[in-house]
Amino acid sequence: MDVMSFSNLVSDKSEQINHHPKMIIDYNTIEFELSTHSLGGISILDFELANFIEDTYDELFQSD
């Protein structure tokens, strides 16, 4: 799986929970910035999305 496909999975999840991270894509790397602007910090949605990103990355890219 490539970076763009991974970012699409994160985008789909973001739409589901109505919480959209800043994503910076540079060739084969991706960086996520999570925050809840209305709170001026982080919220449970940031943690939920971060867990999804980590779990999805581990499932797709980490070998046993």
C-alpha atoms as a PDB file:
ATOM      1  CA  MET A   1       0.000   0.000   0.000  1.00  0.00           C
ATOM      2  CA  ASP A   2       1.272   3.461  -0.797  1.00  0.00           C
ATOM      3  CA  VAL A   3       1.020   6.709   1.139  1.00  0.00           C
ATOM      4  CA  MET A   4      -1.888   8.038  -0.893  1.00  0.00           C
ATOM      5  CA  SER A   5      -3.970   4.921  -0.288  1.00  0.00           C
ATOM      6  CA  PHE A   6      -3.198   5.126   3.428  1.00  0.00           C
ATOM      7  CA  SER A   7      -4.191   8.798   3.485  1.00  0.00           C
ATOM      8  CA  ASN A   8      -7.486   7.892   1.802  1.00  0.00           C
ATOM      9  CA  LEU A   9      -8.257   5.409   4.584  1.00  0.00           C
ATOM     10  CA  VAL A  10      -7.575   8.110   7.174  1.00  0.00           C
ATOM     11  CA  SER A  11      -9.709  10.564   5.195  1.00  0.00           C
ATOM     12  CA  ASP A  12     -12.603   8.096   5.151  1.00  0.00           C
ATOM     13  CA  LYS A  13     -12.374   7.645   8.924  1.00  0.00           C
ATOM     14  CA  SER A  14     -12.146  11.416   9.363  1.00  0.00           C
ATOM     15  CA  GLU A  15     -15.371  11.834   7.433  1.00  0.00           C
ATOM     16  CA  GLN A  16     -17.075   9.169   9.564  1.00  0.00           C
ATOM     17  CA  ILE A  17     -16.253  10.946  12.819  1.00  0.00           C
ATOM     18  CA  ASN A  18     -16.406  14.485  11.339  1.00  0.00           C
ATOM     19  CA  HIS A  19     -12.906  15.345  12.522  1.00  0.00           C
ATOM     20  CA  HIS A  20     -10.282  16.300   9.965  1.00  0.00           C
ATOM     21  CA  PRO A  21      -6.536  16.313  10.572  1.00  0.00           C
ATOM     22  CA  LYS A  22      -3.938  18.316   8.748  1.00  0.00           C
ATOM     23  CA  MET A  23      -2.109  15.869   6.461  1.00  0.00           C
ATOM     24  CA  ILE A  24       1.243  16.657   4.867  1.00  0.00           C
ATOM     25  CA  ILE A  25       2.232  14.211   2.129  1.00  0.00           C
ATOM     26  CA  ASP A  26       5.731  14.238   0.666  1.00  0.00           C
ATOM     27  CA  TYR A  27       6.446  11.451  -1.817  1.00  0.00           C
ATOM     28  CA  ASN A  28       6.431   8.340   0.392  1.00  0.00           C
ATOM     29  CA  THR A  29       5.903   9.924   3.818  1.00  0.00           C
ATOM     30  CA  ILE A  30       2.873  11.366   5.568  1.00  0.00           C
ATOM     31  CA  GLU A  31       2.609  13.566   8.635  1.00  0.00           C
ATOM     32  CA  PHE A  32      -0.571  14.127  10.624  1.00  0.00           C
ATOM     33  CA  GLU A  33      -1.367  17.084  12.863  1.00  0.00           C
ATOM     34  CA  LEU A  34      -4.319  16.483  15.161  1.00  0.00           C
ATOM     35  CA  SER A  35      -6.079  19.150  17.196  1.00  0.00           C
ATOM     36  CA  THR A  36      -9.550  20.397  17.975  1.00  0.00           C
ATOM     37  CA  HIS A  37      -9.567  24.032  16.944  1.00  0.00           C
ATOM     38  CA  SER A  38     -12.819  24.829  18.742  1.00  0.00           C
ATOM     39  CA  LEU A  39     -11.186  23.788  22.031  1.00  0.00           C
ATOM     40  CA  GLY A  40      -7.749  25.195  21.328  1.00  0.00           C
ATOM     41  CA  GLY A  41      -6.186  21.820  22.083  1.00  0.00           C
ATOM     42  CA  ILE A  42      -6.894  18.126  21.828  1.00  0.00           C
ATOM     43  CA  SER A  43     -10.109  16.207  22.426  1.00  0.00           C
ATOM     44  CA  ILE A  44     -11.309  12.633  22.523  1.00  0.00           C
ATOM     45  CA  LEU A  45     -11.764  12.800  18.737  1.00  0.00           C
ATOM     46  CA  ASP A  46      -8.040  13.454  18.334  1.00  0.00           C
ATOM     47  CA  PHE A  47      -7.247  10.373  20.409  1.00  0.00           C
ATOM     48  CA  GLU A  48      -9.793   8.289  18.491  1.00  0.00           C
ATOM     49  CA  LEU A  49      -8.318   9.309  15.157  1.00  0.00           C
ATOM     50  CA  ALA A  50      -4.735   8.857  16.392  1.00  0.00           C
ATOM     51  CA  ASN A  51      -5.567   5.316  17.526  1.00  0.00           C
ATOM     52  CA  PHE A  52      -7.146   4.561  14.159  1.00  0.00           C
ATOM     53  CA  ILE A  53      -4.076   5.901  12.324  1.00  0.00           C
ATOM     54  CA  GLU A  54      -1.700   3.869  14.474  1.00  0.00           C
ATOM     55  CA  ASP A  55      -3.748   0.658  14.298  1.00  0.00           C
ATOM     56  CA  THR A  56      -4.205   0.959  10.539  1.00  0.00           C
ATOM     57  CA  TYR A  57      -0.515   1.674   9.987  1.00  0.00           C
ATOM     58  CA  ASP A  58       0.483  -1.306  12.109  1.00  0.00           C
ATOM     59  CA  GLU A  59      -1.936  -3.592  10.286  1.00  0.00           C
ATOM     60  CA  LEU A  60      -0.799  -2.512   6.826  1.00  0.00           C
ATOM     61  CA  PHE A  61       2.907  -1.792   7.192  1.00  0.00           C
ATOM     62  CA  GLN A  62       4.338  -3.641  10.171  1.00  0.00           C
ATOM     63  CA  SER A  63       5.485  -7.193   9.566  1.00  0.00           C
ATOM     64  CA  ASP A  64       5.302  -9.807  12.304  1.00  0.00           C
END
